[in-house]
Amino acid sequence: MPSRPFRVLGAMAVGCLAITCAPIAHADTDDSLSTKTPYRYSGGALQAPPVGFHPVNTQVVARHGSRGLSSFKYDALTMAIWEKANELGAVTPLGQDVYAQAMKLHEANENLGNEGTWAHMEADGVELSKGNKLERGYGNLTRVGADQHRQLGERLAHRMPEIFNGEDNTVVVESSGEPRAAESGYDFVTGLLHGAPQMSGHMSRAIKADTKTLYFHKDKSNPDYKAYKEYQDSKELSDYVDAMNSRPEVRKAAREVLEKIYTKDFVDRLAAGEWTFETPGGKKAKNDVDAALNLYNLYIIAPSMAAETKVDFAKYFTKDQANVFAMSLDAEDYAEKGPGFKGSDIAHRNARPLLNDFLAQIDQQTKDHPKGSATLRFAHAETLVPFEALIGAPGSRTQISPQDTNFWQATDWRGAKVAPLASNVQWDVFESGSGQKVVRMLLNEQQATFGRGCRPISVNSFFYTLDELKHCLTGASIADGGWLVKPSGDGPSAPTTPAPSSTAPTVTPSRPGDFAGALPATGV
């Protein structure tokens, strides 16, 4: 087993550590796992489209499925801290197996990968972005993650069978080009073909890498890239993250967790900053909160790796303690990726290329393939979170100030619900005989309303005309009554006044232009 060097700066010399991979077989459905919550399908009825409208298209963007740790850092630092405590005789009976469990987790991450799937992907022409390759190790999809996307694909086939009937349908599949996203897309299509076997031979298994629409946070050609990068490096953002991690309840939870594992004297010395632990990649742990957060990150990844290894990090955390750390991670993701702080859209406006692509593909695909079409996209939390903020999806409609450190009280944004692993946004498109199109949005396969002042076709409806979405989401012009279903021989008459629905709330900006409907038109 290869060893990995790490450094303890201060009272300790350079040492070596070797590690393994092991997650917890415990899968939560609450908020305590933040954005590392494994996807759970909860079912539920869907509203039928207006009379006279039939399925013609679906647009999908999904986060990759459950994965392992992204790199050798949380496990490395946890092991380094434990080794220092063990050297000092400061490990409690409960903490005796922390190193061994982190080692199991490391080893499992070192071996992550499905070479059988990769061989099929390469044979079928699945693209990866420049510099990426399929190889075992950290960051790969787990078996739980592969299953999530196979099941998602099969459910799509069953939900919209008319557009996957093998009769002049077209299905375009794209990914960010990162291995776990491309593999998620491949697994999704495997599930789709299982649910719609008539599509076999009628669609390509190739997946195109599209960084402009699916990895836009790293795309230097994005018009918002420079401003977004400056924001990511800003003092405002770093100060907010520091403030979240300095809250009294975080320090209290960190001490409570660590004193289960180490002696009080050792935790006191950690809290005082006596040592700095550092990985080869430069990730550091400087105090007790850092130590607890590293351990928490092993706790939250374990359910996603339940098929690869069995560990139990849950015994070190009560639910309340886990929630404290989850809120800190949620606040950081929210501030970094959107909705972000009041008065600014910089955290999420870089998702406009993806929104434009959704709208453009609906127009183009329904024109070229009126019998059924779809675009299936696979990406990351950095894609889904800003996109949901951009369209005002439920849970992503409230902005906060940098002083709002009681995050879960200030907003209803929850990483476990907005961006769990394999989270997804799906727009189902239906068309009338006269050519009018309406859209029903599903957020994690639950019908959902749009924010941004978008008007549904009637009270309590989950359907929006395509013209209305172009208007409320991009600022495109709209004809009088363009948000209503047109009267026709094959559909109902349009309602006269579809009042705002309690299930379709709009966003009230903090000041004019702050958030709701404030984005400039971008064209499609």
Protein backbone atom coordinates (compact mmCIF):
# COMPACT_ATOMS: atom_id res chain seq x y z
CA MET A 1 0.00 0.00 0.00
CA PRO A 2 1.53 3.35 -1.00
CA SER A 3 2.18 5.86 1.73
CA ARG A 4 1.33 9.54 1.47
CA PRO A 5 3.47 12.24 3.09
CA PHE A 6 1.93 14.91 5.24
CA ARG A 7 3.34 17.70 7.33
CA VAL A 8 2.62 18.79 10.86
CA LEU A 9 4.01 22.27 11.28
CA GLY A 10 4.97 23.54 14.71
CA ALA A 11 5.81 21.00 17.37
CA MET A 12 5.99 18.04 15.03
CA ALA A 13 8.38 16.89 12.32
CA VAL A 14 7.49 15.62 8.86
CA GLY A 15 5.82 12.23 8.92
CA CYS A 16 4.26 9.71 6.57
CA LEU A 17 0.79 8.38 6.33
CA ALA A 18 -0.82 5.62 4.40
CA ILE A 19 -4.53 5.48 3.97
CA THR A 20 -7.60 3.58 2.90
CA CYS A 21 -11.20 4.17 1.92
CA ALA A 22 -14.35 3.36 3.87
CA PRO A 23 -17.78 4.95 4.12
CA ILE A 24 -20.68 4.64 6.43
CA ALA A 25 -23.54 2.38 5.42
CA HIS A 26 -25.92 4.83 7.01
CA ALA A 27 -28.01 6.93 4.58
CA ASP A 28 -29.87 9.94 5.92
CA THR A 29 -32.80 11.72 4.31
CA ASP A 30 -32.58 14.85 6.46
CA ASP A 31 -30.41 17.94 6.05
CA SER A 32 -27.40 16.78 8.07
CA LEU A 33 -25.41 15.49 5.08
CA SER A 34 -25.63 18.79 3.17
CA THR A 35 -24.88 18.44 -0.56
CA LYS A 36 -23.38 14.97 -0.05
CA THR A 37 -26.86 13.57 0.61
CA PRO A 38 -27.42 10.55 -1.67
CA TYR A 39 -30.38 11.03 -4.01
CA ARG A 40 -33.71 9.61 -2.93
CA TYR A 41 -36.75 9.40 -5.22
CA SER A 42 -39.94 10.08 -3.31
CA GLY A 43 -42.52 9.65 -6.07
CA GLY A 44 -45.72 11.66 -6.28
CA ALA A 45 -48.43 12.44 -8.81
CA LEU A 46 -47.84 14.94 -11.61
CA GLN A 47 -50.34 17.39 -13.07
CA ALA A 48 -51.59 16.48 -16.52
CA PRO A 49 -50.94 18.97 -19.31
CA PRO A 50 -53.80 21.09 -20.66
CA VAL A 51 -56.25 19.26 -22.89
CA GLY A 52 -54.94 19.05 -26.44
CA PHE A 53 -51.25 19.19 -25.50
CA HIS A 54 -48.99 16.19 -26.09
CA PRO A 55 -45.37 15.44 -25.03
CA VAL A 56 -42.72 16.52 -27.52
CA ASN A 57 -39.49 17.18 -25.64
CA THR A 58 -37.62 17.11 -22.36
CA GLN A 59 -34.57 19.07 -21.24
CA VAL A 60 -32.53 17.64 -18.38
CA VAL A 61 -29.54 18.75 -16.35
CA ALA A 62 -28.36 16.52 -13.53
CA ARG A 63 -25.53 16.52 -11.06
CA HIS A 64 -23.27 13.48 -11.20
CA GLY A 65 -24.27 10.65 -8.91
CA SER A 66 -22.77 9.72 -5.59
CA ARG A 67 -18.97 9.75 -5.66
CA GLY A 68 -16.04 9.19 -3.38
CA LEU A 69 -13.90 11.89 -1.84
CA SER A 70 -12.68 14.38 -4.42
CA SER A 71 -9.06 14.14 -3.28
CA PHE A 72 -6.74 12.97 -0.52
CA LYS A 73 -7.36 15.66 2.10
CA TYR A 74 -10.10 15.08 4.69
CA ASP A 75 -8.95 11.53 5.31
CA ALA A 76 -5.27 12.55 5.28
CA LEU A 77 -5.75 15.33 7.81
CA THR A 78 -7.95 13.23 10.08
CA MET A 79 -5.28 10.54 10.15
CA ALA A 80 -2.49 13.03 10.75
CA ILE A 81 -4.30 14.56 13.72
CA TRP A 82 -5.06 11.11 15.14
CA GLU A 83 -1.40 10.08 14.81
CA LYS A 84 -0.30 13.14 16.74
CA ALA A 85 -2.85 12.40 19.47
CA ASN A 86 -1.80 8.76 19.57
CA GLU A 87 1.85 9.79 19.93
CA LEU A 88 0.84 11.83 22.98
CA GLY A 89 -1.39 9.13 24.44
CA ALA A 90 -4.40 11.39 23.93
CA VAL A 91 -6.79 9.04 22.08
CA THR A 92 -9.94 7.98 23.96
CA PRO A 93 -11.39 4.45 23.80
CA LEU A 94 -14.07 5.62 21.35
CA GLY A 95 -11.42 7.20 19.15
CA GLN A 96 -9.20 4.15 18.85
CA ASP A 97 -10.53 3.16 15.42
CA VAL A 98 -10.63 6.63 13.81
CA TYR A 99 -7.33 6.06 12.01
CA ALA A 100 -8.33 2.59 10.84
CA GLN A 101 -11.66 3.85 9.53
CA ALA A 102 -10.05 6.77 7.71
CA MET A 103 -7.55 4.29 6.28
CA LYS A 104 -10.36 2.10 4.96
CA LEU A 105 -11.96 5.12 3.37
CA HIS A 106 -8.69 6.13 1.73
CA GLU A 107 -8.08 2.65 0.31
CA ALA A 108 -11.59 2.47 -1.10
CA ASN A 109 -11.13 5.86 -2.78
CA GLU A 110 -7.79 4.79 -4.24
CA ASN A 111 -9.56 1.88 -5.93
CA LEU A 112 -12.74 3.59 -7.10
CA GLY A 113 -13.69 2.98 -10.71
CA ASN A 114 -15.70 0.71 -12.98
CA GLU A 115 -13.42 -0.46 -15.76
CA GLY A 116 -16.19 -2.46 -17.41
CA THR A 117 -18.33 0.65 -17.85
CA TRP A 118 -15.30 2.65 -18.96
CA ALA A 119 -14.52 0.16 -21.72
CA HIS A 120 -18.06 0.55 -23.09
CA MET A 121 -17.84 4.33 -22.80
CA GLU A 122 -14.64 4.45 -24.81
CA ALA A 123 -16.05 2.10 -27.44
CA ASP A 124 -19.21 4.20 -27.75
CA GLY A 125 -17.41 7.51 -28.21
CA VAL A 126 -17.94 9.19 -24.86
CA GLU A 127 -15.84 12.37 -24.78
CA LEU A 128 -13.89 13.73 -21.84
CA SER A 129 -12.64 17.28 -21.61
CA LYS A 130 -8.97 18.07 -22.16
CA GLY A 131 -6.67 16.61 -19.54
CA ASN A 132 -9.18 14.10 -18.18
CA LYS A 133 -8.97 10.33 -18.41
CA LEU A 134 -10.71 7.32 -16.96
CA GLU A 135 -8.58 5.87 -14.20
CA ARG A 136 -9.07 4.45 -10.75
CA GLY A 137 -8.88 6.75 -7.79
CA TYR A 138 -10.43 9.64 -5.93
CA GLY A 139 -13.43 11.50 -7.33
CA ASN A 140 -14.95 8.64 -9.29
CA LEU A 141 -18.57 7.57 -9.27
CA THR A 142 -19.54 4.91 -6.75
CA ARG A 143 -21.94 2.03 -7.31
CA VAL A 144 -24.60 4.00 -5.45
CA GLY A 145 -24.04 6.87 -7.89
CA ALA A 146 -24.29 4.63 -10.94
CA ASP A 147 -27.55 3.15 -9.69
CA GLN A 148 -29.00 6.60 -9.04
CA HIS A 149 -28.61 7.59 -12.68
CA ARG A 150 -29.76 4.29 -14.13
CA GLN A 151 -32.94 4.65 -12.12
CA LEU A 152 -33.36 8.29 -13.13
CA GLY A 153 -33.07 7.34 -16.79
CA GLU A 154 -35.57 4.52 -16.50
CA ARG A 155 -38.09 6.74 -14.72
CA LEU A 156 -37.77 9.36 -17.47
CA ALA A 157 -38.57 6.70 -20.07
CA HIS A 158 -41.69 5.74 -18.14
CA ARG A 159 -42.77 9.35 -17.49
CA MET A 160 -42.46 10.52 -21.12
CA PRO A 161 -42.87 7.33 -23.19
CA GLU A 162 -44.25 9.20 -26.19
CA ILE A 163 -40.92 10.89 -26.93
CA PHE A 164 -38.93 7.67 -26.62
CA ASN A 165 -40.95 5.43 -28.93
CA GLY A 166 -38.19 4.84 -31.49
CA GLU A 167 -40.08 6.72 -34.21
CA ASP A 168 -37.90 9.54 -35.50
CA ASN A 169 -36.86 10.61 -32.00
CA THR A 170 -33.57 12.32 -31.26
CA VAL A 171 -31.70 12.24 -27.96
CA VAL A 172 -28.61 14.38 -27.40
CA VAL A 173 -26.43 13.54 -24.40
CA GLU A 174 -23.79 15.92 -23.04
CA SER A 175 -21.55 16.18 -20.01
CA SER A 176 -19.06 18.58 -18.49
CA GLY A 177 -16.31 16.26 -19.70
CA GLU A 178 -15.32 15.32 -16.17
CA PRO A 179 -15.19 11.51 -15.76
CA ARG A 180 -17.85 11.21 -13.04
CA ALA A 181 -20.26 13.41 -15.01
CA ALA A 182 -19.71 11.52 -18.27
CA GLU A 183 -20.12 8.18 -16.52
CA SER A 184 -23.32 9.41 -14.87
CA GLY A 185 -24.68 10.26 -18.30
CA TYR A 186 -23.74 6.85 -19.63
CA ASP A 187 -25.48 5.14 -16.73
CA PHE A 188 -28.54 7.37 -17.19
CA VAL A 189 -28.84 6.31 -20.84
CA THR A 190 -28.43 2.66 -19.82
CA GLY A 191 -31.47 3.11 -17.60
CA LEU A 192 -33.36 4.99 -20.29
CA LEU A 193 -32.82 2.17 -22.77
CA HIS A 194 -33.93 -0.36 -20.18
CA GLY A 195 -37.17 1.59 -19.74
CA ALA A 196 -37.56 2.24 -23.48
CA PRO A 197 -35.94 -0.73 -25.26
CA GLN A 198 -37.52 0.39 -28.53
CA MET A 199 -34.91 3.17 -28.58
CA SER A 200 -32.05 0.69 -28.90
CA GLY A 201 -30.43 1.24 -32.26
CA HIS A 202 -32.25 4.56 -32.65
CA MET A 203 -29.94 6.71 -30.52
CA SER A 204 -26.22 7.05 -30.13
CA ARG A 205 -24.46 6.14 -26.89
CA ALA A 206 -21.88 8.86 -27.56
CA ILE A 207 -21.70 11.73 -25.09
CA LYS A 208 -20.31 15.10 -26.08
CA ALA A 209 -18.21 17.17 -23.66
CA ASP A 210 -19.60 20.71 -23.42
CA THR A 211 -17.73 22.88 -20.94
CA LYS A 212 -19.40 26.13 -22.02
CA THR A 213 -22.84 25.11 -20.78
CA LEU A 214 -21.94 22.52 -18.14
CA TYR A 215 -18.61 23.66 -16.64
CA PHE A 216 -19.20 27.36 -17.02
CA HIS A 217 -17.64 28.27 -13.68
CA LYS A 218 -14.25 27.30 -15.15
CA ASP A 219 -14.91 28.50 -18.72
CA LYS A 220 -12.77 31.56 -19.40
CA SER A 221 -14.88 32.46 -22.43
CA ASN A 222 -17.94 32.96 -20.21
CA PRO A 223 -18.61 36.72 -20.14
CA ASP A 224 -18.98 36.57 -16.37
CA TYR A 225 -15.87 34.49 -15.71
CA LYS A 226 -13.57 37.33 -14.65
CA ALA A 227 -16.10 38.92 -12.30
CA TYR A 228 -17.06 35.54 -10.88
CA LYS A 229 -13.41 34.63 -10.24
CA GLU A 230 -12.86 37.94 -8.47
CA TYR A 231 -15.90 37.27 -6.32
CA GLN A 232 -14.66 33.79 -5.44
CA ASP A 233 -11.37 35.31 -4.29
CA SER A 234 -13.01 38.24 -2.52
CA LYS A 235 -12.60 39.19 1.12
CA GLU A 236 -16.38 39.47 1.40
CA LEU A 237 -16.81 35.79 0.61
CA SER A 238 -13.89 34.53 2.70
CA ASP A 239 -15.00 36.67 5.65
CA TYR A 240 -18.48 35.17 5.46
CA VAL A 241 -17.17 31.60 5.44
CA ASP A 242 -14.87 32.42 8.36
CA ALA A 243 -17.78 33.97 10.25
CA MET A 244 -19.91 30.86 9.70
CA ASN A 245 -17.15 28.61 11.03
CA SER A 246 -16.47 30.89 14.00
CA ARG A 247 -20.00 30.81 15.40
CA PRO A 248 -20.18 29.74 19.05
CA GLU A 249 -22.35 26.75 18.16
CA VAL A 250 -19.72 25.53 15.66
CA ARG A 251 -16.95 25.77 18.23
CA LYS A 252 -19.16 24.04 20.79
CA ALA A 253 -20.05 21.20 18.40
CA ALA A 254 -16.41 20.83 17.32
CA ARG A 255 -15.26 20.47 20.91
CA GLU A 256 -18.06 18.03 21.77
CA VAL A 257 -17.20 15.81 18.80
CA LEU A 258 -13.44 15.92 19.30
CA GLU A 259 -13.62 15.23 23.04
CA LYS A 260 -15.30 11.92 22.21
CA ILE A 261 -12.13 10.97 20.34
CA TYR A 262 -9.31 12.84 22.07
CA THR A 263 -8.54 14.02 25.59
CA LYS A 264 -9.61 17.50 26.65
CA ASP A 265 -5.99 18.63 26.93
CA PHE A 266 -5.29 17.60 23.34
CA VAL A 267 -8.42 19.39 22.09
CA ASP A 268 -7.38 22.49 24.04
CA ARG A 269 -4.01 22.43 22.28
CA LEU A 270 -5.70 21.94 18.90
CA ALA A 271 -7.98 24.89 19.61
CA ALA A 272 -5.00 27.03 20.58
CA GLY A 273 -3.40 26.37 17.19
CA GLU A 274 -0.35 24.60 18.58
CA TRP A 275 -0.01 22.52 15.41
CA THR A 276 -0.79 23.01 11.75
CA PHE A 277 -1.40 19.82 9.77
CA GLU A 278 -0.91 20.00 6.01
CA THR A 279 -1.47 17.60 3.10
CA PRO A 280 0.77 17.41 0.01
CA GLY A 281 -1.89 19.41 -1.84
CA GLY A 282 -1.71 22.27 0.63
CA LYS A 283 -4.95 21.61 2.53
CA LYS A 284 -4.46 22.61 6.17
CA ALA A 285 -6.04 21.98 9.55
CA LYS A 286 -5.06 24.68 12.03
CA ASN A 287 -7.48 24.29 14.92
CA ASP A 288 -10.29 22.31 16.51
CA VAL A 289 -12.97 23.48 14.07
CA ASP A 290 -10.82 22.43 11.10
CA ALA A 291 -10.28 19.03 12.71
CA ALA A 292 -13.99 18.51 13.31
CA LEU A 293 -14.94 19.63 9.80
CA ASN A 294 -12.46 17.17 8.28
CA LEU A 295 -14.02 14.35 10.28
CA TYR A 296 -17.51 15.56 9.33
CA ASN A 297 -16.57 15.37 5.65
CA LEU A 298 -15.75 11.68 6.10
CA TYR A 299 -19.10 11.19 7.83
CA ILE A 300 -21.08 12.72 4.96
CA ILE A 301 -19.30 10.89 2.12
CA ALA A 302 -19.67 7.46 3.71
CA PRO A 303 -23.28 6.74 2.62
CA SER A 304 -22.30 7.27 -1.02
CA MET A 305 -19.59 4.63 -0.68
CA ALA A 306 -21.69 2.05 1.15
CA ALA A 307 -21.19 -0.52 -1.63
CA GLU A 308 -17.41 -0.12 -1.60
CA THR A 309 -16.65 -0.17 2.12
CA LYS A 310 -18.29 -0.10 5.52
CA VAL A 311 -17.36 2.42 8.18
CA ASP A 312 -19.20 4.15 10.99
CA PHE A 313 -18.37 7.81 11.43
CA ALA A 314 -21.91 8.45 12.66
CA LYS A 315 -20.97 7.33 16.16
CA TYR A 316 -18.92 10.50 16.60
CA PHE A 317 -21.81 12.86 15.80
CA THR A 318 -25.24 13.49 17.23
CA LYS A 319 -27.80 14.70 14.71
CA ASP A 320 -27.68 18.19 16.20
CA GLN A 321 -23.90 18.32 15.88
CA ALA A 322 -24.03 17.14 12.28
CA ASN A 323 -26.64 19.80 11.52
CA VAL A 324 -24.34 22.51 12.86
CA PHE A 325 -21.62 21.53 10.40
CA ALA A 326 -24.14 21.00 7.59
CA MET A 327 -25.35 24.58 8.01
CA SER A 328 -21.79 25.86 7.66
CA LEU A 329 -21.26 23.89 4.46
CA ASP A 330 -24.66 24.97 3.13
CA ALA A 331 -23.87 28.62 3.77
CA GLU A 332 -20.55 28.35 1.97
CA ASP A 333 -22.08 26.65 -1.09
CA TYR A 334 -24.95 29.13 -1.15
CA ALA A 335 -22.63 32.14 -1.00
CA GLU A 336 -20.18 30.73 -3.55
CA LYS A 337 -22.59 29.24 -6.10
CA GLY A 338 -25.86 31.09 -5.63
CA PRO A 339 -28.25 32.58 -4.87
CA GLY A 340 -25.59 34.60 -3.02
CA PHE A 341 -25.78 37.94 -1.26
CA LYS A 342 -28.45 40.61 -1.62
CA GLY A 343 -27.85 43.20 -4.29
CA SER A 344 -25.78 40.96 -6.57
CA ASP A 345 -26.29 38.12 -9.03
CA ILE A 346 -22.57 37.41 -9.49
CA ALA A 347 -22.75 34.03 -7.72
CA HIS A 348 -25.19 32.58 -10.26
CA ARG A 349 -25.47 34.67 -13.42
CA ASN A 350 -22.68 32.66 -15.08
CA ALA A 351 -25.32 29.92 -15.56
CA ARG A 352 -26.97 31.90 -18.37
CA PRO A 353 -25.36 29.81 -21.14
CA LEU A 354 -27.13 26.76 -19.72
CA LEU A 355 -30.49 28.55 -19.54
CA ASN A 356 -30.05 29.80 -23.09
CA ASP A 357 -29.25 26.26 -24.21
CA PHE A 358 -32.40 24.86 -22.57
CA LEU A 359 -34.55 27.36 -24.46
CA ALA A 360 -32.67 27.06 -27.75
CA GLN A 361 -32.79 23.26 -27.72
CA ILE A 362 -36.53 23.26 -27.10
CA ASP A 363 -37.02 25.45 -30.17
CA GLN A 364 -34.60 23.55 -32.40
CA GLN A 365 -35.41 20.00 -31.39
CA THR A 366 -39.18 20.38 -31.51
CA LYS A 367 -38.84 21.91 -34.97
CA ASP A 368 -36.51 19.23 -36.33
CA HIS A 369 -38.01 16.23 -34.52
CA PRO A 370 -41.68 16.90 -33.75
CA LYS A 371 -42.28 13.26 -32.77
CA GLY A 372 -40.03 13.44 -29.75
CA SER A 373 -36.66 14.72 -28.59
CA ALA A 374 -34.52 15.31 -25.53
CA THR A 375 -31.25 16.82 -24.37
CA LEU A 376 -29.71 15.11 -21.37
CA ARG A 377 -26.90 16.93 -19.55
CA PHE A 378 -24.65 15.76 -16.72
CA ALA A 379 -22.55 18.04 -14.60
CA HIS A 380 -21.86 19.20 -11.05
CA ALA A 381 -23.16 21.10 -8.04
CA GLU A 382 -21.35 24.12 -9.51
CA THR A 383 -23.78 23.77 -12.45
CA LEU A 384 -27.05 22.89 -10.72
CA VAL A 385 -26.90 25.34 -7.82
CA PRO A 386 -26.47 28.55 -9.87
CA PHE A 387 -28.92 27.30 -12.51
CA GLU A 388 -31.60 26.77 -9.88
CA ALA A 389 -30.96 30.26 -8.53
CA LEU A 390 -31.10 31.73 -12.03
CA ILE A 391 -34.56 30.29 -12.73
CA GLY A 392 -35.87 30.88 -9.21
CA ALA A 393 -36.46 27.23 -8.39
CA PRO A 394 -38.00 26.44 -4.99
CA GLY A 395 -35.45 26.79 -2.23
CA SER A 396 -33.30 29.14 -4.33
CA ARG A 397 -35.36 32.32 -4.22
CA THR A 398 -34.04 34.11 -1.16
CA GLN A 399 -30.86 36.13 -0.91
CA ILE A 400 -29.23 37.06 2.38
CA SER A 401 -26.76 39.63 3.66
CA PRO A 402 -23.17 38.78 4.64
CA GLN A 403 -24.23 39.39 8.24
CA ASP A 404 -26.76 36.54 8.19
CA THR A 405 -24.77 33.80 9.90
CA ASN A 406 -27.85 32.08 11.33
CA PHE A 407 -28.15 30.67 7.84
CA TRP A 408 -30.97 28.16 8.19
CA GLN A 409 -33.12 30.82 9.84
CA ALA A 410 -32.33 33.39 7.15
CA THR A 411 -33.17 31.19 4.16
CA ASP A 412 -34.89 27.95 3.21
CA TRP A 413 -31.89 26.91 1.08
CA ARG A 414 -30.79 23.40 2.10
CA GLY A 415 -28.00 21.60 0.31
CA ALA A 416 -29.64 18.24 0.96
CA LYS A 417 -32.72 19.35 -0.99
CA VAL A 418 -31.36 21.79 -3.56
CA ALA A 419 -28.26 19.86 -4.60
CA PRO A 420 -28.05 16.29 -3.31
CA LEU A 421 -25.88 13.93 -5.31
CA ALA A 422 -27.69 13.19 -8.62
CA SER A 423 -29.93 16.24 -8.14
CA ASN A 424 -31.69 17.23 -11.33
CA VAL A 425 -33.85 19.79 -13.10
CA GLN A 426 -36.10 18.51 -15.88
CA TRP A 427 -38.35 20.55 -18.16
CA ASP A 428 -41.05 18.49 -19.85
CA VAL A 429 -42.42 20.20 -22.97
CA PHE A 430 -45.91 19.69 -24.38
CA GLU A 431 -47.30 21.10 -27.63
CA SER A 432 -50.81 21.78 -28.91
CA GLY A 433 -52.10 21.22 -32.41
CA SER A 434 -51.67 24.92 -33.08
CA GLY A 435 -47.99 24.77 -32.09
CA GLN A 436 -48.14 26.44 -28.69
CA LYS A 437 -45.77 24.93 -26.14
CA VAL A 438 -46.09 24.65 -22.38
CA VAL A 439 -43.42 23.52 -19.91
CA ARG A 440 -43.67 21.63 -16.63
CA MET A 441 -40.57 21.76 -14.43
CA LEU A 442 -39.50 18.93 -12.16
CA LEU A 443 -36.95 19.60 -9.43
CA ASN A 444 -35.53 16.28 -8.25
CA GLU A 445 -38.51 14.66 -10.01
CA GLN A 446 -41.06 16.67 -8.03
CA GLN A 447 -43.17 19.17 -9.97
CA ALA A 448 -42.04 22.67 -9.12
CA THR A 449 -42.85 26.27 -9.85
CA PHE A 450 -40.61 28.90 -11.38
CA GLY A 451 -39.74 32.07 -9.51
CA ARG A 452 -38.59 35.30 -11.17
CA GLY A 453 -42.17 36.51 -11.51
CA CYS A 454 -43.01 33.76 -14.02
CA ARG A 455 -46.77 33.40 -14.48
CA PRO A 456 -48.31 29.91 -14.73
CA ILE A 457 -51.12 29.32 -17.20
CA SER A 458 -53.70 29.27 -14.39
CA VAL A 459 -54.10 29.30 -10.64
CA ASN A 460 -52.18 26.46 -8.96
CA SER A 461 -50.85 25.19 -12.28
CA PHE A 462 -47.32 23.87 -12.70
CA PHE A 463 -47.41 24.66 -16.43
CA TYR A 464 -45.95 27.75 -18.09
CA THR A 465 -46.02 28.74 -21.73
CA LEU A 466 -42.62 28.68 -23.37
CA ASP A 467 -43.10 32.32 -24.36
CA GLU A 468 -43.65 33.25 -20.71
CA LEU A 469 -40.47 31.48 -19.61
CA LYS A 470 -38.45 33.28 -22.26
CA HIS A 471 -39.96 36.53 -21.04
CA CYS A 472 -39.57 36.11 -17.29
CA LEU A 473 -36.19 34.34 -17.37
CA THR A 474 -34.39 36.26 -20.13
CA GLY A 475 -36.37 39.47 -20.61
CA ALA A 476 -37.53 38.53 -24.11
CA SER A 477 -40.63 40.35 -25.33
CA ILE A 478 -43.98 38.63 -25.08
CA ALA A 479 -47.30 39.20 -26.83
CA ASP A 480 -50.31 40.26 -24.81
CA GLY A 481 -51.66 37.18 -23.08
CA GLY A 482 -48.61 35.15 -24.11
CA TRP A 483 -48.56 33.47 -20.71
CA LEU A 484 -52.02 31.99 -21.30
CA VAL A 485 -53.03 28.85 -23.15
CA LYS A 486 -54.47 29.89 -26.50
CA PRO A 487 -58.09 29.02 -27.25
CA SER A 488 -58.25 26.38 -29.95
CA GLY A 489 -60.35 23.54 -31.13
CA ASP A 490 -58.07 21.04 -29.44
CA GLY A 491 -57.66 22.73 -26.07
CA PRO A 492 -59.48 24.66 -23.39
CA SER A 493 -60.11 28.36 -23.54
CA ALA A 494 -57.56 30.47 -21.78
CA PRO A 495 -58.51 31.60 -18.29
CA THR A 496 -59.02 35.32 -18.04
CA THR A 497 -57.06 36.09 -14.87
CA PRO A 498 -54.73 33.39 -13.56
CA ALA A 499 -54.04 34.88 -10.14
CA PRO A 500 -50.67 34.24 -8.52
CA SER A 501 -50.75 30.85 -6.88
CA SER A 502 -49.68 29.98 -3.38
CA THR A 503 -47.74 27.14 -4.97
CA ALA A 504 -46.13 29.49 -7.46
CA PRO A 505 -44.65 32.30 -5.39
CA THR A 506 -42.76 35.12 -6.98
CA VAL A 507 -39.65 36.71 -5.58
CA THR A 508 -39.75 40.18 -4.10
CA PRO A 509 -36.38 41.85 -4.57
CA SER A 510 -34.75 43.52 -1.61
CA ARG A 511 -34.58 46.64 -3.75
CA PRO A 512 -35.46 47.19 -7.43
CA GLY A 513 -33.24 45.07 -9.63
CA ASP A 514 -31.76 43.00 -6.83
CA PHE A 515 -32.92 39.51 -7.67
CA ALA A 516 -36.31 38.64 -9.13
CA GLY A 517 -36.49 39.28 -12.83
CA ALA A 518 -33.38 41.44 -12.63
CA LEU A 519 -31.26 39.59 -15.15
CA PRO A 520 -30.81 41.25 -18.54
CA ALA A 521 -32.04 39.57 -21.67
CA THR A 522 -29.43 37.21 -23.06
CA GLY A 523 -31.09 35.89 -26.17
CA VAL A 524 -31.63 32.27 -27.08
